Amino acid sequence: MTIVIAWIYVALMLSLGSESLIAGVLGFIAWGPLPLSIIWYIFVRRRPQAAKQQDAQSPP
């Protein structure tokens, strides 16, 4: 969780240093929530599916 907060902070600082408001907003979206949502999907959402497949393959 600390890494997520730190990454949001870094993305916010990068967006605040942008030349325009639109570039800042798009930069924040591109560097903040978008990569975090992809990582969350890969590591959190797919984990229960993999666990279910392993349980189905193991003998009772």
N, C-alpha and C. Protein backbone atom coordinates (compact mmCIF):
# COMPACT_ATOMS: atom_id res chain seq x y z
N MET A 1 0.83 -1.19 0.00
CA MET A 1 0.00 0.00 0.00
C MET A 1 0.87 1.25 0.00
N THR A 2 2.00 1.21 0.66
CA THR A 2 2.89 2.36 0.71
C THR A 2 3.44 2.68 -0.67
N ILE A 3 3.71 1.65 -1.45
CA ILE A 3 4.23 1.86 -2.80
C ILE A 3 3.18 2.55 -3.67
N VAL A 4 1.93 2.19 -3.50
CA VAL A 4 0.85 2.81 -4.27
C VAL A 4 0.75 4.29 -3.93
N ILE A 5 0.78 4.61 -2.66
CA ILE A 5 0.70 6.02 -2.24
C ILE A 5 1.90 6.80 -2.77
N ALA A 6 3.08 6.20 -2.70
CA ALA A 6 4.27 6.88 -3.20
C ALA A 6 4.19 7.09 -4.72
N TRP A 7 3.66 6.11 -5.44
CA TRP A 7 3.55 6.25 -6.88
C TRP A 7 2.53 7.33 -7.25
N ILE A 8 1.42 7.41 -6.53
CA ILE A 8 0.44 8.48 -6.76
C ILE A 8 1.10 9.84 -6.51
N TYR A 9 1.91 9.93 -5.46
CA TYR A 9 2.61 11.18 -5.15
C TYR A 9 3.55 11.57 -6.29
N VAL A 10 4.30 10.61 -6.81
CA VAL A 10 5.22 10.88 -7.91
C VAL A 10 4.45 11.33 -9.15
N ALA A 11 3.35 10.65 -9.45
CA ALA A 11 2.54 11.04 -10.61
C ALA A 11 1.96 12.43 -10.42
N LEU A 12 1.55 12.76 -9.21
CA LEU A 12 1.02 14.09 -8.94
C LEU A 12 2.10 15.16 -9.11
N MET A 13 3.29 14.90 -8.62
CA MET A 13 4.37 15.87 -8.78
C MET A 13 4.76 16.05 -10.25
N LEU A 14 4.75 14.96 -11.01
CA LEU A 14 5.04 15.07 -12.43
C LEU A 14 3.97 15.89 -13.14
N SER A 15 2.73 15.69 -12.77
CA SER A 15 1.65 16.43 -13.43
C SER A 15 1.64 17.89 -13.02
N LEU A 16 2.02 18.19 -11.79
CA LEU A 16 2.08 19.59 -11.36
C LEU A 16 3.19 20.36 -12.07
N GLY A 17 4.20 19.68 -12.50
CA GLY A 17 5.30 20.33 -13.21
C GLY A 17 5.06 20.48 -14.70
N SER A 18 3.88 20.11 -15.16
CA SER A 18 3.57 20.21 -16.59
C SER A 18 3.36 21.65 -17.01
N GLU A 19 3.44 21.87 -18.31
CA GLU A 19 3.33 23.22 -18.84
C GLU A 19 1.90 23.73 -18.88
N SER A 20 0.92 22.83 -19.05
CA SER A 20 -0.48 23.27 -19.12
C SER A 20 -1.35 22.37 -18.26
N LEU A 21 -2.56 22.83 -18.03
CA LEU A 21 -3.50 22.06 -17.22
C LEU A 21 -3.88 20.75 -17.89
N ILE A 22 -4.12 20.80 -19.19
CA ILE A 22 -4.51 19.58 -19.91
C ILE A 22 -3.37 18.58 -19.89
N ALA A 23 -2.15 19.03 -20.11
CA ALA A 23 -1.00 18.13 -20.06
C ALA A 23 -0.83 17.56 -18.66
N GLY A 24 -1.11 18.35 -17.65
CA GLY A 24 -1.02 17.86 -16.28
C GLY A 24 -2.04 16.79 -15.96
N VAL A 25 -3.28 17.03 -16.38
CA VAL A 25 -4.34 16.05 -16.13
C VAL A 25 -4.08 14.76 -16.89
N LEU A 26 -3.75 14.89 -18.17
CA LEU A 26 -3.46 13.69 -18.96
C LEU A 26 -2.21 12.97 -18.47
N GLY A 27 -1.22 13.73 -18.04
CA GLY A 27 -0.03 13.11 -17.48
C GLY A 27 -0.31 12.36 -16.19
N PHE A 28 -1.17 12.96 -15.34
CA PHE A 28 -1.52 12.28 -14.10
C PHE A 28 -2.27 10.99 -14.37
N ILE A 29 -3.20 11.02 -15.32
CA ILE A 29 -3.95 9.81 -15.66
C ILE A 29 -3.03 8.76 -16.26
N ALA A 30 -2.12 9.20 -17.13
CA ALA A 30 -1.21 8.25 -17.79
C ALA A 30 -0.20 7.65 -16.83
N TRP A 31 0.25 8.42 -15.83
CA TRP A 31 1.27 7.94 -14.91
C TRP A 31 0.70 7.46 -13.59
N GLY A 32 -0.55 7.76 -13.27
CA GLY A 32 -1.12 7.42 -11.97
C GLY A 32 -2.09 6.26 -12.01
N PRO A 33 -3.38 6.54 -12.15
CA PRO A 33 -4.39 5.49 -12.05
C PRO A 33 -4.33 4.44 -13.16
N LEU A 34 -3.93 4.81 -14.36
CA LEU A 34 -3.91 3.84 -15.46
C LEU A 34 -2.92 2.70 -15.21
N PRO A 35 -1.64 2.97 -14.91
CA PRO A 35 -0.74 1.85 -14.63
C PRO A 35 -1.10 1.09 -13.36
N LEU A 36 -1.59 1.81 -12.36
CA LEU A 36 -1.97 1.11 -11.12
C LEU A 36 -3.15 0.18 -11.34
N SER A 37 -4.10 0.58 -12.18
CA SER A 37 -5.24 -0.29 -12.44
C SER A 37 -4.82 -1.53 -13.23
N ILE A 38 -3.87 -1.37 -14.14
CA ILE A 38 -3.38 -2.53 -14.90
C ILE A 38 -2.65 -3.49 -13.97
N ILE A 39 -1.80 -2.97 -13.11
CA ILE A 39 -1.08 -3.82 -12.15
C ILE A 39 -2.05 -4.49 -11.19
N TRP A 40 -3.06 -3.74 -10.73
CA TRP A 40 -4.06 -4.32 -9.83
C TRP A 40 -4.80 -5.46 -10.52
N TYR A 41 -5.15 -5.28 -11.78
CA TYR A 41 -5.86 -6.33 -12.51
C TYR A 41 -5.00 -7.58 -12.65
N ILE A 42 -3.74 -7.38 -12.96
CA ILE A 42 -2.86 -8.54 -13.18
C ILE A 42 -2.60 -9.29 -11.88
N PHE A 43 -2.28 -8.58 -10.80
CA PHE A 43 -1.84 -9.25 -9.58
C PHE A 43 -2.96 -9.58 -8.61
N VAL A 44 -4.04 -8.83 -8.61
CA VAL A 44 -5.09 -9.05 -7.63
C VAL A 44 -6.29 -9.78 -8.23
N ARG A 45 -6.76 -9.33 -9.36
CA ARG A 45 -7.94 -9.93 -9.96
C ARG A 45 -7.68 -11.33 -10.48
N ARG A 46 -6.52 -11.57 -11.05
CA ARG A 46 -6.24 -12.86 -11.66
C ARG A 46 -5.79 -13.91 -10.66
N ARG A 47 -5.39 -13.51 -9.47
CA ARG A 47 -4.92 -14.46 -8.47
C ARG A 47 -6.02 -15.44 -8.03
N PRO A 48 -7.23 -15.00 -7.72
CA PRO A 48 -8.25 -15.97 -7.33
C PRO A 48 -8.59 -16.96 -8.44
N GLN A 49 -8.54 -16.54 -9.70
CA GLN A 49 -8.81 -17.46 -10.79
C GLN A 49 -7.74 -18.53 -10.87
N ALA A 50 -6.49 -18.16 -10.68
CA ALA A 50 -5.41 -19.14 -10.71
C ALA A 50 -5.54 -20.10 -9.53
N ALA A 51 -5.94 -19.61 -8.38
CA ALA A 51 -6.11 -20.47 -7.21
C ALA A 51 -7.25 -21.45 -7.43
N LYS A 52 -8.32 -21.00 -8.06
CA LYS A 52 -9.45 -21.89 -8.34
C LYS A 52 -9.05 -22.99 -9.32
N GLN A 53 -8.23 -22.64 -10.31
CA GLN A 53 -7.78 -23.64 -11.26
C GLN A 53 -6.88 -24.67 -10.60
N GLN A 54 -6.02 -24.25 -9.68
CA GLN A 54 -5.16 -25.20 -8.98
C GLN A 54 -5.97 -26.11 -8.08
N ASP A 55 -7.01 -25.57 -7.42
CA ASP A 55 -7.85 -26.40 -6.57
C ASP A 55 -8.63 -27.42 -7.40
N ALA A 56 -9.04 -27.05 -8.58
CA ALA A 56 -9.79 -27.97 -9.43
C ALA A 56 -8.89 -29.08 -9.96
N GLN A 57 -7.61 -28.82 -10.15
CA GLN A 57 -6.70 -29.80 -10.69
C GLN A 57 -6.14 -30.74 -9.62
N SER A 58 -6.13 -30.32 -8.37
CA SER A 58 -5.56 -31.15 -7.33
C SER A 58 -6.57 -32.24 -6.91
N PRO A 59 -6.05 -33.39 -6.54
CA PRO A 59 -6.96 -34.48 -6.12
C PRO A 59 -7.63 -34.15 -4.79
N PRO A 60 -8.84 -34.65 -4.59
CA PRO A 60 -9.57 -34.36 -3.33
C PRO A 60 -9.00 -35.02 -2.12
